[in-house]
């Protein structure tokens, strides 16, 4: 019997849609995360820049996208998060 183990084959039973905090960091660069991408197995956190960069890819597989990038304007003013 071939039993597969590890994160890829394990079940993830919880995902959250709670607000993102300063402790939530982008999985790509470590900056503050403003986007949570819920996948069939697990989730990814992205800063606004990397969320825009990877949106075409994760949009194909995401089960939910929790986007708080509108907070950038409220927290940091005009032009925040606009750089690519």
PDB file of N, CA and C in Angstrom:
ATOM      1  N   UNK A   1       0.833  -1.171   0.000  1.00  0.00           N
ATOM      2  CA  UNK A   1       0.000   0.000   0.000  1.00  0.00           C
ATOM      3  C   UNK A   1       0.885   1.245   0.000  1.00  0.00           C
ATOM      4  N   UNK A   2       0.631   2.185  -0.903  1.00  0.00           N
ATOM      5  CA  UNK A   2       1.401   3.412  -1.015  1.00  0.00           C
ATOM      6  C   UNK A   2       0.654   4.527  -0.278  1.00  0.00           C
ATOM      7  N   UNK A   3       1.130   4.879   0.902  1.00  0.00           N
ATOM      8  CA  UNK A   3       0.493   5.923   1.696  1.00  0.00           C
ATOM      9  C   UNK A   3       1.292   7.202   1.536  1.00  0.00           C
ATOM     10  N   UNK A   4       0.635   8.244   1.073  1.00  0.00           N
ATOM     11  CA  UNK A   4       1.295   9.532   0.890  1.00  0.00           C
ATOM     12  C   UNK A   4       1.119  10.366   2.150  1.00  0.00           C
ATOM     13  N   UNK A   5       2.202  11.034   2.540  1.00  0.00           N
ATOM     14  CA  UNK A   5       2.153  11.877   3.726  1.00  0.00           C
ATOM     15  C   UNK A   5       2.738  13.235   3.413  1.00  0.00           C
ATOM     16  N   UNK A   6       2.629  14.140   4.344  1.00  0.00           N
ATOM     17  CA  UNK A   6       3.191  15.477   4.169  1.00  0.00           C
ATOM     18  C   UNK A   6       2.108  16.501   3.930  1.00  0.00           C
ATOM     19  N   UNK A   7       2.517  17.772   3.865  1.00  0.00           N
ATOM     20  CA  UNK A   7       1.565  18.866   3.762  1.00  0.00           C
ATOM     21  C   UNK A   7       0.728  18.798   2.499  1.00  0.00           C
ATOM     22  N   UNK A   8       1.303  18.284   1.401  1.00  0.00           N
ATOM     23  CA  UNK A   8       0.575  18.262   0.143  1.00  0.00           C
ATOM     24  C   UNK A   8      -0.625  17.331   0.196  1.00  0.00           C
ATOM     25  N   UNK A   9      -0.514  16.254   0.952  1.00  0.00           N
ATOM     26  CA  UNK A   9      -1.575  15.259   0.985  1.00  0.00           C
ATOM     27  C   UNK A   9      -2.387  15.315   2.273  1.00  0.00           C
ATOM     28  N   UNK A  10      -1.960  16.121   3.225  1.00  0.00           N
ATOM     29  CA  UNK A  10      -2.688  16.241   4.482  1.00  0.00           C
ATOM     30  C   UNK A  10      -3.907  17.119   4.308  1.00  0.00           C
ATOM     31  N   UNK A  11      -4.872  16.959   5.174  1.00  0.00           N
ATOM     32  CA  UNK A  11      -6.071  17.778   5.100  1.00  0.00           C
ATOM     33  C   UNK A  11      -5.928  19.037   5.918  1.00  0.00           C
ATOM     34  N   UNK A  12      -6.339  20.144   5.366  1.00  0.00           N
ATOM     35  CA  UNK A  12      -6.382  21.391   6.104  1.00  0.00           C
ATOM     36  C   UNK A  12      -7.840  21.622   6.441  1.00  0.00           C
ATOM     37  N   UNK A  13      -8.122  21.759   7.714  1.00  0.00           N
ATOM     38  CA  UNK A  13      -9.514  21.849   8.128  1.00  0.00           C
ATOM     39  C   UNK A  13      -9.955  23.255   8.498  1.00  0.00           C
ATOM     40  N   UNK A  14      -9.015  24.184   8.628  1.00  0.00           N
ATOM     41  CA  UNK A  14      -9.417  25.532   9.012  1.00  0.00           C
ATOM     42  C   UNK A  14      -8.831  26.567   8.069  1.00  0.00           C
ATOM     43  N   UNK A  15      -9.646  27.524   7.725  1.00  0.00           N
ATOM     44  CA  UNK A  15      -9.194  28.738   7.048  1.00  0.00           C
ATOM     45  C   UNK A  15      -9.917  29.871   7.740  1.00  0.00           C
ATOM     46  N   UNK A  16      -9.378  31.045   7.655  1.00  0.00           N
ATOM     47  CA  UNK A  16      -9.960  32.164   8.371  1.00  0.00           C
ATOM     48  C   UNK A  16     -10.209  33.333   7.441  1.00  0.00           C
ATOM     49  N   UNK A  17     -11.227  34.094   7.739  1.00  0.00           N
ATOM     50  CA  UNK A  17     -11.478  35.332   7.014  1.00  0.00           C
ATOM     51  C   UNK A  17     -11.420  36.505   7.978  1.00  0.00           C
ATOM     52  N   UNK A  18     -10.785  36.301   9.143  1.00  0.00           N
ATOM     53  CA  UNK A  18     -10.606  37.384  10.103  1.00  0.00           C
ATOM     54  C   UNK A  18      -9.737  38.465   9.479  1.00  0.00           C
ATOM     55  N   UNK A  19      -9.873  39.699   9.952  1.00  0.00           N
ATOM     56  CA  UNK A  19      -9.044  40.786   9.407  1.00  0.00           C
ATOM     57  C   UNK A  19      -7.550  40.473   9.537  1.00  0.00           C
ATOM     58  N   UNK A  20      -6.798  40.902   8.552  1.00  0.00           N
ATOM     59  CA  UNK A  20      -5.354  40.739   8.589  1.00  0.00           C
ATOM     60  C   UNK A  20      -4.761  41.779   9.541  1.00  0.00           C
ATOM     61  N   UNK A  21      -3.686  41.416  10.204  1.00  0.00           N
ATOM     62  CA  UNK A  21      -3.038  42.329  11.146  1.00  0.00           C
ATOM     63  C   UNK A  21      -1.605  42.591  10.700  1.00  0.00           C
ATOM     64  N   UNK A  22      -0.912  43.455  11.412  1.00  0.00           N
ATOM     65  CA  UNK A  22       0.489  43.750  11.106  1.00  0.00           C
ATOM     66  C   UNK A  22       1.369  42.518  11.281  1.00  0.00           C
ATOM     67  N   UNK A  23       0.898  41.544  12.031  1.00  0.00           N
ATOM     68  CA  UNK A  23       1.665  40.306  12.229  1.00  0.00           C
ATOM     69  C   UNK A  23       1.567  39.374  11.020  1.00  0.00           C
ATOM     70  N   UNK A  24       0.582  39.581  10.145  1.00  0.00           N
ATOM     71  CA  UNK A  24       0.442  38.758   8.944  1.00  0.00           C
ATOM     72  C   UNK A  24       1.401  39.288   7.885  1.00  0.00           C
ATOM     73  N   UNK A  25       2.264  38.411   7.386  1.00  0.00           N
ATOM     74  CA  UNK A  25       3.319  38.825   6.472  1.00  0.00           C
ATOM     75  C   UNK A  25       3.174  38.143   5.113  1.00  0.00           C
ATOM     76  N   UNK A  26       3.588  38.838   4.074  1.00  0.00           N
ATOM     77  CA  UNK A  26       3.559  38.317   2.707  1.00  0.00           C
ATOM     78  C   UNK A  26       4.442  37.079   2.610  1.00  0.00           C
ATOM     79  N   UNK A  27       3.890  36.011   2.032  1.00  0.00           N
ATOM     80  CA  UNK A  27       4.657  34.777   1.867  1.00  0.00           C
ATOM     81  C   UNK A  27       5.755  34.927   0.824  1.00  0.00           C
ATOM     82  N   UNK A  28       5.698  35.950   0.031  1.00  0.00           N
ATOM     83  CA  UNK A  28       6.703  36.157  -1.018  1.00  0.00           C
ATOM     84  C   UNK A  28       7.876  37.013  -0.543  1.00  0.00           C
ATOM     85  N   UNK A  29       7.579  38.135   0.166  1.00  0.00           N
ATOM     86  CA  UNK A  29       8.662  39.065   0.512  1.00  0.00           C
ATOM     87  C   UNK A  29       8.741  39.429   1.992  1.00  0.00           C
ATOM     88  N   UNK A  30       7.739  39.089   2.778  1.00  0.00           N
ATOM     89  CA  UNK A  30       7.763  39.388   4.201  1.00  0.00           C
ATOM     90  C   UNK A  30       7.171  40.731   4.591  1.00  0.00           C
ATOM     91  N   UNK A  31       6.694  41.518   3.623  1.00  0.00           N
ATOM     92  CA  UNK A  31       6.039  42.790   3.944  1.00  0.00           C
ATOM     93  C   UNK A  31       4.672  42.502   4.570  1.00  0.00           C
ATOM     94  N   UNK A  32       4.026  43.540   5.095  1.00  0.00           N
ATOM     95  CA  UNK A  32       2.706  43.340   5.690  1.00  0.00           C
ATOM     96  C   UNK A  32       1.738  42.822   4.639  1.00  0.00           C
ATOM     97  N   UNK A  33       0.982  41.799   5.001  1.00  0.00           N
ATOM     98  CA  UNK A  33       0.024  41.191   4.079  1.00  0.00           C
ATOM     99  C   UNK A  33      -1.294  41.944   4.109  1.00  0.00           C
ATOM    100  N   UNK A  34      -1.857  42.179   2.936  1.00  0.00           N
ATOM    101  CA  UNK A  34      -3.161  42.802   2.801  1.00  0.00           C
ATOM    102  C   UNK A  34      -4.127  41.913   2.024  1.00  0.00           C
ATOM    103  N   UNK A  35      -3.656  40.769   1.542  1.00  0.00           N
ATOM    104  CA  UNK A  35      -4.498  39.845   0.779  1.00  0.00           C
ATOM    105  C   UNK A  35      -4.270  38.429   1.271  1.00  0.00           C
ATOM    106  N   UNK A  36      -5.373  37.744   1.579  1.00  0.00           N
ATOM    107  CA  UNK A  36      -5.321  36.321   1.957  1.00  0.00           C
ATOM    108  C   UNK A  36      -5.985  35.543   0.823  1.00  0.00           C
ATOM    109  N   UNK A  37      -5.269  34.575   0.273  1.00  0.00           N
ATOM    110  CA  UNK A  37      -5.792  33.730  -0.792  1.00  0.00           C
ATOM    111  C   UNK A  37      -6.028  32.346  -0.199  1.00  0.00           C
ATOM    112  N   UNK A  38      -7.288  31.954  -0.145  1.00  0.00           N
ATOM    113  CA  UNK A  38      -7.640  30.647   0.389  1.00  0.00           C
ATOM    114  C   UNK A  38      -7.655  29.660  -0.777  1.00  0.00           C
ATOM    115  N   UNK A  39      -6.896  28.598  -0.622  1.00  0.00           N
ATOM    116  CA  UNK A  39      -6.768  27.564  -1.647  1.00  0.00           C
ATOM    117  C   UNK A  39      -7.492  26.301  -1.183  1.00  0.00           C
ATOM    118  N   UNK A  40      -7.710  25.340  -2.067  1.00  0.00           N
ATOM    119  CA  UNK A  40      -8.331  24.091  -1.628  1.00  0.00           C
ATOM    120  C   UNK A  40      -7.581  23.439  -0.469  1.00  0.00           C
ATOM    121  N   UNK A  41      -6.279  23.653  -0.426  1.00  0.00           N
ATOM    122  CA  UNK A  41      -5.460  23.136   0.681  1.00  0.00           C
ATOM    123  C   UNK A  41      -4.597  24.291   1.190  1.00  0.00           C
ATOM    124  N   UNK A  42      -5.019  24.928   2.282  1.00  0.00           N
ATOM    125  CA  UNK A  42      -4.227  25.983   2.888  1.00  0.00           C
ATOM    126  C   UNK A  42      -4.536  27.362   2.354  1.00  0.00           C
ATOM    127  N   UNK A  43      -3.626  28.290   2.651  1.00  0.00           N
ATOM    128  CA  UNK A  43      -3.799  29.670   2.232  1.00  0.00           C
ATOM    129  C   UNK A  43      -2.446  30.328   2.019  1.00  0.00           C
ATOM    130  N   UNK A  44      -2.465  31.427   1.269  1.00  0.00           N
ATOM    131  CA  UNK A  44      -1.279  32.236   1.037  1.00  0.00           C
ATOM    132  C   UNK A  44      -1.601  33.663   1.432  1.00  0.00           C
ATOM    133  N   UNK A  45      -0.592  34.375   1.933  1.00  0.00           N
ATOM    134  CA  UNK A  45      -0.741  35.787   2.261  1.00  0.00           C
ATOM    135  C   UNK A  45       0.170  36.585   1.336  1.00  0.00           C
ATOM    136  N   UNK A  46      -0.341  37.722   0.855  1.00  0.00           N
ATOM    137  CA  UNK A  46       0.432  38.562  -0.054  1.00  0.00           C
ATOM    138  C   UNK A  46       0.329  40.023   0.343  1.00  0.00           C
ATOM    139  N   UNK A  47       1.415  40.768   0.105  1.00  0.00           N
ATOM    140  CA  UNK A  47       1.353  42.220   0.158  1.00  0.00           C
ATOM    141  C   UNK A  47       0.579  42.662  -1.089  1.00  0.00           C
ATOM    142  N   UNK A  48       0.228  43.938  -1.173  1.00  0.00           N
ATOM    143  CA  UNK A  48      -0.546  44.418  -2.326  1.00  0.00           C
ATOM    144  C   UNK A  48       0.215  44.210  -3.630  1.00  0.00           C
ATOM    145  N   UNK A  49       1.510  44.491  -3.617  1.00  0.00           N
ATOM    146  CA  UNK A  49       2.337  44.347  -4.824  1.00  0.00           C
ATOM    147  C   UNK A  49       2.319  42.914  -5.347  1.00  0.00           C
ATOM    148  N   UNK A  50       2.603  41.957  -4.484  1.00  0.00           N
ATOM    149  CA  UNK A  50       2.663  40.567  -4.930  1.00  0.00           C
ATOM    150  C   UNK A  50       1.283  39.987  -5.202  1.00  0.00           C
ATOM    151  N   UNK A  51       0.246  40.510  -4.552  1.00  0.00           N
ATOM    152  CA  UNK A  51      -1.117  40.073  -4.875  1.00  0.00           C
ATOM    153  C   UNK A  51      -1.455  40.453  -6.309  1.00  0.00           C
ATOM    154  N   UNK A  52      -1.110  41.681  -6.711  1.00  0.00           N
ATOM    155  CA  UNK A  52      -1.362  42.093  -8.100  1.00  0.00           C
ATOM    156  C   UNK A  52      -0.531  41.263  -9.069  1.00  0.00           C
ATOM    157  N   UNK A  53       0.720  41.031  -8.721  1.00  0.00           N
ATOM    158  CA  UNK A  53       1.613  40.282  -9.607  1.00  0.00           C
ATOM    159  C   UNK A  53       1.135  38.851  -9.838  1.00  0.00           C
ATOM    160  N   UNK A  54       0.645  38.210  -8.785  1.00  0.00           N
ATOM    161  CA  UNK A  54       0.287  36.796  -8.879  1.00  0.00           C
ATOM    162  C   UNK A  54      -1.209  36.539  -9.046  1.00  0.00           C
ATOM    163  N   UNK A  55      -2.022  37.594  -9.115  1.00  0.00           N
ATOM    164  CA  UNK A  55      -3.473  37.434  -9.224  1.00  0.00           C
ATOM    165  C   UNK A  55      -3.922  36.538 -10.381  1.00  0.00           C
ATOM    166  N   UNK A  56      -3.343  36.683 -11.569  1.00  0.00           N
ATOM    167  CA  UNK A  56      -3.808  35.802 -12.653  1.00  0.00           C
ATOM    168  C   UNK A  56      -3.611  34.313 -12.337  1.00  0.00           C
ATOM    169  N   UNK A  57      -2.563  34.005 -11.584  1.00  0.00           N
ATOM    170  CA  UNK A  57      -2.288  32.604 -11.263  1.00  0.00           C
ATOM    171  C   UNK A  57      -3.196  32.098 -10.153  1.00  0.00           C
ATOM    172  N   UNK A  58      -3.313  32.866  -9.047  1.00  0.00           N
ATOM    173  CA  UNK A  58      -4.111  32.344  -7.937  1.00  0.00           C
ATOM    174  C   UNK A  58      -5.607  32.441  -8.203  1.00  0.00           C
ATOM    175  N   UNK A  59      -6.034  33.323  -9.101  1.00  0.00           N
ATOM    176  CA  UNK A  59      -7.461  33.430  -9.415  1.00  0.00           C
ATOM    177  C   UNK A  59      -8.006  32.127 -10.012  1.00  0.00           C
ATOM    178  N   UNK A  60      -7.137  31.373 -10.654  1.00  0.00           N
ATOM    179  CA  UNK A  60      -7.553  30.109 -11.270  1.00  0.00           C
ATOM    180  C   UNK A  60      -7.818  29.008 -10.252  1.00  0.00           C
ATOM    181  N   UNK A  61      -7.198  29.091  -9.067  1.00  0.00           N
ATOM    182  CA  UNK A  61      -7.295  27.993  -8.101  1.00  0.00           C
ATOM    183  C   UNK A  61      -7.859  28.402  -6.746  1.00  0.00           C
ATOM    184  N   UNK A  62      -7.983  29.688  -6.477  1.00  0.00           N
ATOM    185  CA  UNK A  62      -8.440  30.152  -5.162  1.00  0.00           C
ATOM    186  C   UNK A  62      -9.903  29.807  -4.939  1.00  0.00           C
ATOM    187  N   UNK A  63     -10.221  29.455  -3.702  1.00  0.00           N
ATOM    188  CA  UNK A  63     -11.616  29.251  -3.338  1.00  0.00           C
ATOM    189  C   UNK A  63     -12.206  30.530  -2.749  1.00  0.00           C
ATOM    190  N   UNK A  64     -11.337  31.429  -2.263  1.00  0.00           N
ATOM    191  CA  UNK A  64     -11.767  32.715  -1.720  1.00  0.00           C
ATOM    192  C   UNK A  64     -10.558  33.654  -1.683  1.00  0.00           C
ATOM    193  N   UNK A  65     -10.799  34.930  -1.948  1.00  0.00           N
ATOM    194  CA  UNK A  65      -9.750  35.940  -1.833  1.00  0.00           C
ATOM    195  C   UNK A  65     -10.258  37.030  -0.895  1.00  0.00           C
ATOM    196  N   UNK A  66      -9.539  37.230   0.199  1.00  0.00           N
ATOM    197  CA  UNK A  66      -9.867  38.249   1.202  1.00  0.00           C
ATOM    198  C   UNK A  66      -8.914  39.418   0.953  1.00  0.00           C
ATOM    199  N   UNK A  67      -9.424  40.501   0.381  1.00  0.00           N
ATOM    200  CA  UNK A  67      -8.601  41.628  -0.055  1.00  0.00           C
ATOM    201  C   UNK A  67      -8.839  42.843   0.841  1.00  0.00           C
ATOM    202  N   UNK A  68      -7.795  43.293   1.517  1.00  0.00           N
ATOM    203  CA  UNK A  68      -7.863  44.481   2.369  1.00  0.00           C
ATOM    204  C   UNK A  68      -6.947  45.587   1.854  1.00  0.00           C
ATOM    205  N   UNK A  69      -6.649  45.589   0.565  1.00  0.00           N
ATOM    206  CA  UNK A  69      -5.729  46.595   0.030  1.00  0.00           C
ATOM    207  C   UNK A  69      -6.300  48.003   0.129  1.00  0.00           C
ATOM    208  N   UNK A  70      -7.621  48.138   0.281  1.00  0.00           N
ATOM    209  CA  UNK A  70      -8.201  49.469   0.453  1.00  0.00           C
ATOM    210  C   UNK A  70      -7.709  50.136   1.739  1.00  0.00           C
ATOM    211  N   UNK A  71      -7.236  49.345   2.694  1.00  0.00           N
ATOM    212  CA  UNK A  71      -6.679  49.887   3.937  1.00  0.00           C
ATOM    213  C   UNK A  71      -5.396  50.677   3.686  1.00  0.00           C
ATOM    214  N   UNK A  72      -4.697  50.381   2.603  1.00  0.00           N
ATOM    215  CA  UNK A  72      -3.447  51.094   2.317  1.00  0.00           C
ATOM    216  C   UNK A  72      -3.683  52.591   2.182  1.00  0.00           C
ATOM    217  N   UNK A  73      -4.734  52.986   1.491  1.00  0.00           N
ATOM    218  CA  UNK A  73      -5.040  54.400   1.320  1.00  0.00           C
ATOM    219  C   UNK A  73      -5.377  55.031   2.669  1.00  0.00           C
ATOM    220  N   UNK A  74      -6.192  54.346   3.456  1.00  0.00           N
ATOM    221  CA  UNK A  74      -6.583  54.876   4.766  1.00  0.00           C
ATOM    222  C   UNK A  74      -5.388  54.974   5.713  1.00  0.00           C
ATOM    223  N   UNK A  75      -4.484  53.996   5.658  1.00  0.00           N
ATOM    224  CA  UNK A  75      -3.356  53.956   6.585  1.00  0.00           C
ATOM    225  C   UNK A  75      -2.152  54.770   6.134  1.00  0.00           C
ATOM    226  N   UNK A  76      -1.923  54.836   4.817  1.00  0.00           N
ATOM    227  CA  UNK A  76      -0.676  55.403   4.326  1.00  0.00           C
ATOM    228  C   UNK A  76      -0.844  56.532   3.308  1.00  0.00           C
ATOM    229  N   UNK A  77      -2.064  56.852   2.948  1.00  0.00           N
ATOM    230  CA  UNK A  77      -2.304  57.967   2.042  1.00  0.00           C
ATOM    231  C   UNK A  77      -2.239  57.600   0.569  1.00  0.00           C
ATOM    232  N   UNK A  78      -2.497  58.593  -0.261  1.00  0.00           N
ATOM    233  CA  UNK A  78      -2.519  58.400  -1.717  1.00  0.00           C
ATOM    234  C   UNK A  78      -1.189  57.891  -2.227  1.00  0.00           C
ATOM    235  N   UNK A  79      -1.243  56.968  -3.149  1.00  0.00           N
ATOM    236  CA  UNK A  79      -0.035  56.421  -3.762  1.00  0.00           C
ATOM    237  C   UNK A  79       0.498  55.193  -3.053  1.00  0.00           C
ATOM    238  N   UNK A  80      -0.009  54.861  -1.883  1.00  0.00           N
ATOM    239  CA  UNK A  80       0.478  53.693  -1.151  1.00  0.00           C
ATOM    240  C   UNK A  80       0.121  52.429  -1.900  1.00  0.00           C
ATOM    241  N   UNK A  81       1.078  51.561  -2.048  1.00  0.00           N
ATOM    242  CA  UNK A  81       0.849  50.287  -2.726  1.00  0.00           C
ATOM    243  C   UNK A  81       0.726  50.386  -4.214  1.00  0.00           C
ATOM    244  N   UNK A  82       0.966  51.575  -4.778  1.00  0.00           N
ATOM    245  CA  UNK A  82       0.791  51.774  -6.203  1.00  0.00           C
ATOM    246  C   UNK A  82       1.983  51.319  -7.029  1.00  0.00           C
ATOM    247  N   UNK A  83       3.137  51.212  -6.420  1.00  0.00           N
ATOM    248  CA  UNK A  83       4.345  50.832  -7.168  1.00  0.00           C
ATOM    249  C   UNK A  83       4.312  49.371  -7.556  1.00  0.00           C
ATOM    250  N   UNK A  84       4.748  49.079  -8.743  1.00  0.00           N
ATOM    251  CA  UNK A  84       4.849  47.676  -9.204  1.00  0.00           C
ATOM    252  C   UNK A  84       6.232  47.174  -9.072  1.00  0.00           C
TER     253      UNK A  84
END
